[in-house]
Amino acid sequence: MSKRRDRYEEDDGETIVNMNVDGMPWYRPKSETGTDESGRFKVSPRSPEGKAAIRGSLLAIFTVIGIFLGGAVLFILFCEKIWLK
């Protein structure tokens, strides 16, 4: 028979679910993981993570706006040069 392994090799120690629940013996009122009570990360706009999040959001917004404006310009050129000639 094969031996049963108690520890999985692919376990990297990452927490999937926060088990810090009221009433449990191991409950700690303030989490030490950098998240608040609701499980959201605490990020201020002046922190490097906050600046990166704002920069990424603006990049995504400007990309979408650029695609729509480019499509509008191509449609107007199509109308002028081919369709309404």
N, C-alpha and C. Protein backbone atom coordinates (compact mmCIF):
# COMPACT_ATOMS: atom_id res chain seq x y z
N MET A 1 0.83 -1.18 0.00
CA MET A 1 0.00 0.00 0.00
C MET A 1 0.88 1.24 0.00
N SER A 2 0.36 2.29 -0.55
CA SER A 2 1.12 3.54 -0.61
C SER A 2 0.94 4.35 0.67
N LYS A 3 1.95 5.17 0.96
CA LYS A 3 1.87 6.01 2.14
C LYS A 3 0.96 7.21 1.87
N ARG A 4 0.25 7.63 2.89
CA ARG A 4 -0.61 8.80 2.77
C ARG A 4 0.20 10.04 3.16
N ARG A 5 0.16 11.04 2.31
CA ARG A 5 0.90 12.27 2.59
C ARG A 5 0.01 13.24 3.35
N ASP A 6 0.56 13.78 4.44
CA ASP A 6 -0.20 14.75 5.22
C ASP A 6 -0.04 16.16 4.67
N ARG A 7 1.01 16.41 3.96
CA ARG A 7 1.24 17.74 3.41
C ARG A 7 1.32 17.65 1.90
N TYR A 8 0.58 18.54 1.25
CA TYR A 8 0.57 18.57 -0.19
C TYR A 8 1.76 19.38 -0.70
N GLU A 9 2.35 18.92 -1.78
CA GLU A 9 3.51 19.61 -2.31
C GLU A 9 3.14 20.92 -2.99
N GLU A 10 1.91 21.02 -3.53
CA GLU A 10 1.51 22.24 -4.22
C GLU A 10 0.96 23.30 -3.27
N ASP A 11 0.97 23.05 -1.97
CA ASP A 11 0.50 24.03 -0.99
C ASP A 11 1.54 25.13 -0.83
N ASP A 12 1.13 26.37 -1.16
CA ASP A 12 2.06 27.49 -1.05
C ASP A 12 1.76 28.36 0.17
N GLY A 13 0.82 27.98 0.99
CA GLY A 13 0.51 28.71 2.21
C GLY A 13 -0.41 29.89 2.01
N GLU A 14 -0.96 30.07 0.81
CA GLU A 14 -1.85 31.19 0.54
C GLU A 14 -3.20 30.98 1.23
N THR A 15 -3.73 32.03 1.85
CA THR A 15 -5.02 31.95 2.52
C THR A 15 -6.13 32.16 1.51
N ILE A 16 -7.04 31.21 1.40
CA ILE A 16 -8.15 31.31 0.47
C ILE A 16 -9.35 31.99 1.15
N VAL A 17 -9.66 31.57 2.35
CA VAL A 17 -10.80 32.12 3.09
C VAL A 17 -10.31 32.62 4.43
N ASN A 18 -10.74 33.82 4.80
CA ASN A 18 -10.38 34.37 6.09
C ASN A 18 -11.20 33.67 7.17
N MET A 19 -10.53 32.98 8.08
CA MET A 19 -11.21 32.24 9.14
C MET A 19 -11.28 33.03 10.44
N ASN A 20 -11.05 34.34 10.39
CA ASN A 20 -11.12 35.20 11.56
C ASN A 20 -12.59 35.55 11.81
N VAL A 21 -13.31 34.69 12.55
CA VAL A 21 -14.75 34.81 12.74
C VAL A 21 -15.04 35.11 14.20
N ASP A 22 -16.02 36.02 14.43
CA ASP A 22 -16.43 36.33 15.80
C ASP A 22 -16.85 35.06 16.54
N GLY A 23 -16.43 34.96 17.78
CA GLY A 23 -16.83 33.83 18.62
C GLY A 23 -15.85 32.68 18.61
N MET A 24 -14.94 32.64 17.69
CA MET A 24 -13.95 31.56 17.64
C MET A 24 -12.81 31.89 18.60
N PRO A 25 -12.14 30.88 19.13
CA PRO A 25 -11.08 31.14 20.09
C PRO A 25 -9.88 31.89 19.49
N TRP A 26 -9.65 31.77 18.21
CA TRP A 26 -8.49 32.42 17.59
C TRP A 26 -8.85 33.78 16.99
N TYR A 27 -10.05 34.31 17.28
CA TYR A 27 -10.48 35.59 16.70
C TYR A 27 -9.59 36.75 17.13
N ARG A 28 -9.14 37.54 16.15
CA ARG A 28 -8.39 38.76 16.41
C ARG A 28 -9.18 39.91 15.81
N PRO A 29 -9.49 40.95 16.62
CA PRO A 29 -10.32 42.04 16.11
C PRO A 29 -9.75 42.74 14.89
N LYS A 30 -8.46 42.97 14.84
CA LYS A 30 -7.85 43.63 13.68
C LYS A 30 -7.00 42.61 12.93
N SER A 31 -7.29 42.51 11.65
CA SER A 31 -6.56 41.56 10.83
C SER A 31 -5.13 42.05 10.59
N GLU A 32 -4.19 41.14 10.52
CA GLU A 32 -2.79 41.47 10.29
C GLU A 32 -2.42 41.32 8.82
N THR A 33 -3.39 41.07 7.96
CA THR A 33 -3.08 40.80 6.56
C THR A 33 -3.13 42.04 5.69
N GLY A 34 -3.42 43.22 6.24
CA GLY A 34 -3.50 44.42 5.43
C GLY A 34 -4.89 44.68 4.88
N THR A 35 -5.87 43.94 5.36
CA THR A 35 -7.24 44.16 4.92
C THR A 35 -8.06 44.66 6.09
N ASP A 36 -9.19 45.31 5.78
CA ASP A 36 -10.05 45.77 6.86
C ASP A 36 -11.07 44.70 7.20
N GLU A 37 -12.09 45.04 7.98
CA GLU A 37 -13.06 44.06 8.46
C GLU A 37 -13.85 43.41 7.32
N SER A 38 -14.11 44.14 6.24
CA SER A 38 -14.91 43.60 5.14
C SER A 38 -14.08 42.76 4.18
N GLY A 39 -12.78 42.67 4.38
CA GLY A 39 -11.93 41.87 3.51
C GLY A 39 -11.33 42.65 2.37
N ARG A 40 -11.59 43.96 2.31
CA ARG A 40 -11.02 44.78 1.25
C ARG A 40 -9.64 45.25 1.65
N PHE A 41 -8.79 45.44 0.65
CA PHE A 41 -7.44 45.91 0.91
C PHE A 41 -7.46 47.40 1.24
N LYS A 42 -6.59 47.80 2.15
CA LYS A 42 -6.46 49.21 2.50
C LYS A 42 -5.43 49.83 1.56
N VAL A 43 -5.90 50.63 0.62
CA VAL A 43 -5.01 51.29 -0.33
C VAL A 43 -5.39 52.76 -0.38
N SER A 44 -4.42 53.62 -0.14
CA SER A 44 -4.68 55.05 -0.26
C SER A 44 -4.23 55.52 -1.63
N PRO A 45 -4.81 56.63 -2.12
CA PRO A 45 -4.40 57.12 -3.45
C PRO A 45 -2.95 57.56 -3.51
N ARG A 46 -2.32 57.86 -2.39
CA ARG A 46 -0.93 58.31 -2.39
C ARG A 46 0.07 57.15 -2.28
N SER A 47 -0.41 55.95 -1.98
CA SER A 47 0.50 54.80 -1.89
C SER A 47 0.89 54.35 -3.29
N PRO A 48 1.99 53.64 -3.43
CA PRO A 48 2.39 53.15 -4.76
C PRO A 48 1.34 52.23 -5.39
N GLU A 49 0.67 51.43 -4.56
CA GLU A 49 -0.38 50.55 -5.10
C GLU A 49 -1.56 51.37 -5.59
N GLY A 50 -1.89 52.43 -4.85
CA GLY A 50 -2.99 53.29 -5.26
C GLY A 50 -2.69 54.03 -6.55
N LYS A 51 -1.45 54.53 -6.67
CA LYS A 51 -1.06 55.22 -7.89
C LYS A 51 -1.07 54.26 -9.08
N ALA A 52 -0.63 53.04 -8.87
CA ALA A 52 -0.64 52.05 -9.96
C ALA A 52 -2.07 51.70 -10.35
N ALA A 53 -2.97 51.61 -9.38
CA ALA A 53 -4.37 51.30 -9.68
C ALA A 53 -5.01 52.44 -10.46
N ILE A 54 -4.74 53.68 -10.06
CA ILE A 54 -5.29 54.83 -10.78
C ILE A 54 -4.72 54.90 -12.19
N ARG A 55 -3.42 54.68 -12.32
CA ARG A 55 -2.78 54.72 -13.64
C ARG A 55 -3.35 53.63 -14.55
N GLY A 56 -3.55 52.45 -14.00
CA GLY A 56 -4.12 51.36 -14.80
C GLY A 56 -5.56 51.63 -15.21
N SER A 57 -6.34 52.22 -14.31
CA SER A 57 -7.73 52.55 -14.63
C SER A 57 -7.80 53.61 -15.72
N LEU A 58 -6.97 54.65 -15.60
CA LEU A 58 -6.97 55.70 -16.62
C LEU A 58 -6.50 55.15 -17.96
N LEU A 59 -5.52 54.28 -17.96
CA LEU A 59 -5.05 53.68 -19.20
C LEU A 59 -6.16 52.87 -19.87
N ALA A 60 -6.91 52.13 -19.09
CA ALA A 60 -8.01 51.34 -19.65
C ALA A 60 -9.10 52.25 -20.20
N ILE A 61 -9.43 53.32 -19.48
CA ILE A 61 -10.48 54.24 -19.94
C ILE A 61 -10.05 54.92 -21.23
N PHE A 62 -8.80 55.43 -21.27
CA PHE A 62 -8.35 56.11 -22.47
C PHE A 62 -8.22 55.16 -23.66
N THR A 63 -7.91 53.92 -23.41
CA THR A 63 -7.85 52.93 -24.50
C THR A 63 -9.24 52.73 -25.11
N VAL A 64 -10.25 52.58 -24.26
CA VAL A 64 -11.62 52.39 -24.76
C VAL A 64 -12.09 53.63 -25.50
N ILE A 65 -11.82 54.82 -24.95
CA ILE A 65 -12.21 56.07 -25.62
C ILE A 65 -11.51 56.19 -26.96
N GLY A 66 -10.22 55.84 -27.01
CA GLY A 66 -9.48 55.90 -28.27
C GLY A 66 -10.04 54.96 -29.32
N ILE A 67 -10.45 53.78 -28.90
CA ILE A 67 -11.03 52.83 -29.86
C ILE A 67 -12.34 53.37 -30.42
N PHE A 68 -13.19 53.93 -29.56
CA PHE A 68 -14.46 54.47 -30.04
C PHE A 68 -14.24 55.69 -30.95
N LEU A 69 -13.32 56.59 -30.58
CA LEU A 69 -13.04 57.74 -31.43
C LEU A 69 -12.44 57.32 -32.77
N GLY A 70 -11.54 56.35 -32.73
CA GLY A 70 -10.97 55.83 -33.98
C GLY A 70 -12.03 55.21 -34.87
N GLY A 71 -12.96 54.48 -34.28
CA GLY A 71 -14.06 53.91 -35.06
C GLY A 71 -14.95 54.98 -35.66
N ALA A 72 -15.20 56.05 -34.89
CA ALA A 72 -16.03 57.14 -35.40
C ALA A 72 -15.33 57.84 -36.56
N VAL A 73 -14.02 58.08 -36.43
CA VAL A 73 -13.27 58.73 -37.51
C VAL A 73 -13.25 57.85 -38.76
N LEU A 74 -13.05 56.56 -38.59
CA LEU A 74 -13.06 55.66 -39.75
C LEU A 74 -14.44 55.61 -40.40
N PHE A 75 -15.49 55.66 -39.60
CA PHE A 75 -16.85 55.65 -40.16
C PHE A 75 -17.11 56.93 -40.97
N ILE A 76 -16.67 58.08 -40.44
CA ILE A 76 -16.85 59.34 -41.16
C ILE A 76 -16.05 59.33 -42.46
N LEU A 77 -14.82 58.84 -42.41
CA LEU A 77 -14.02 58.73 -43.64
C LEU A 77 -14.67 57.78 -44.64
N PHE A 78 -15.20 56.68 -44.16
CA PHE A 78 -15.89 55.73 -45.04
C PHE A 78 -17.09 56.40 -45.70
N CYS A 79 -17.86 57.17 -44.91
CA CYS A 79 -19.02 57.85 -45.47
C CYS A 79 -18.61 58.87 -46.52
N GLU A 80 -17.57 59.65 -46.26
CA GLU A 80 -17.14 60.68 -47.20
C GLU A 80 -16.51 60.11 -48.46
N LYS A 81 -15.65 59.16 -48.33
CA LYS A 81 -14.84 58.67 -49.46
C LYS A 81 -15.53 57.59 -50.30
N ILE A 82 -16.33 56.73 -49.69
CA ILE A 82 -16.86 55.59 -50.42
C ILE A 82 -18.37 55.64 -50.56
N TRP A 83 -19.08 55.79 -49.45
CA TRP A 83 -20.52 55.61 -49.45
C TRP A 83 -21.25 56.79 -50.12
N LEU A 84 -20.90 58.01 -49.77
CA LEU A 84 -21.64 59.19 -50.27
C LEU A 84 -20.91 59.89 -51.43
N LYS A 85 -20.11 59.19 -52.14
CA LYS A 85 -19.34 59.79 -53.23
C LYS A 85 -20.18 60.00 -54.46
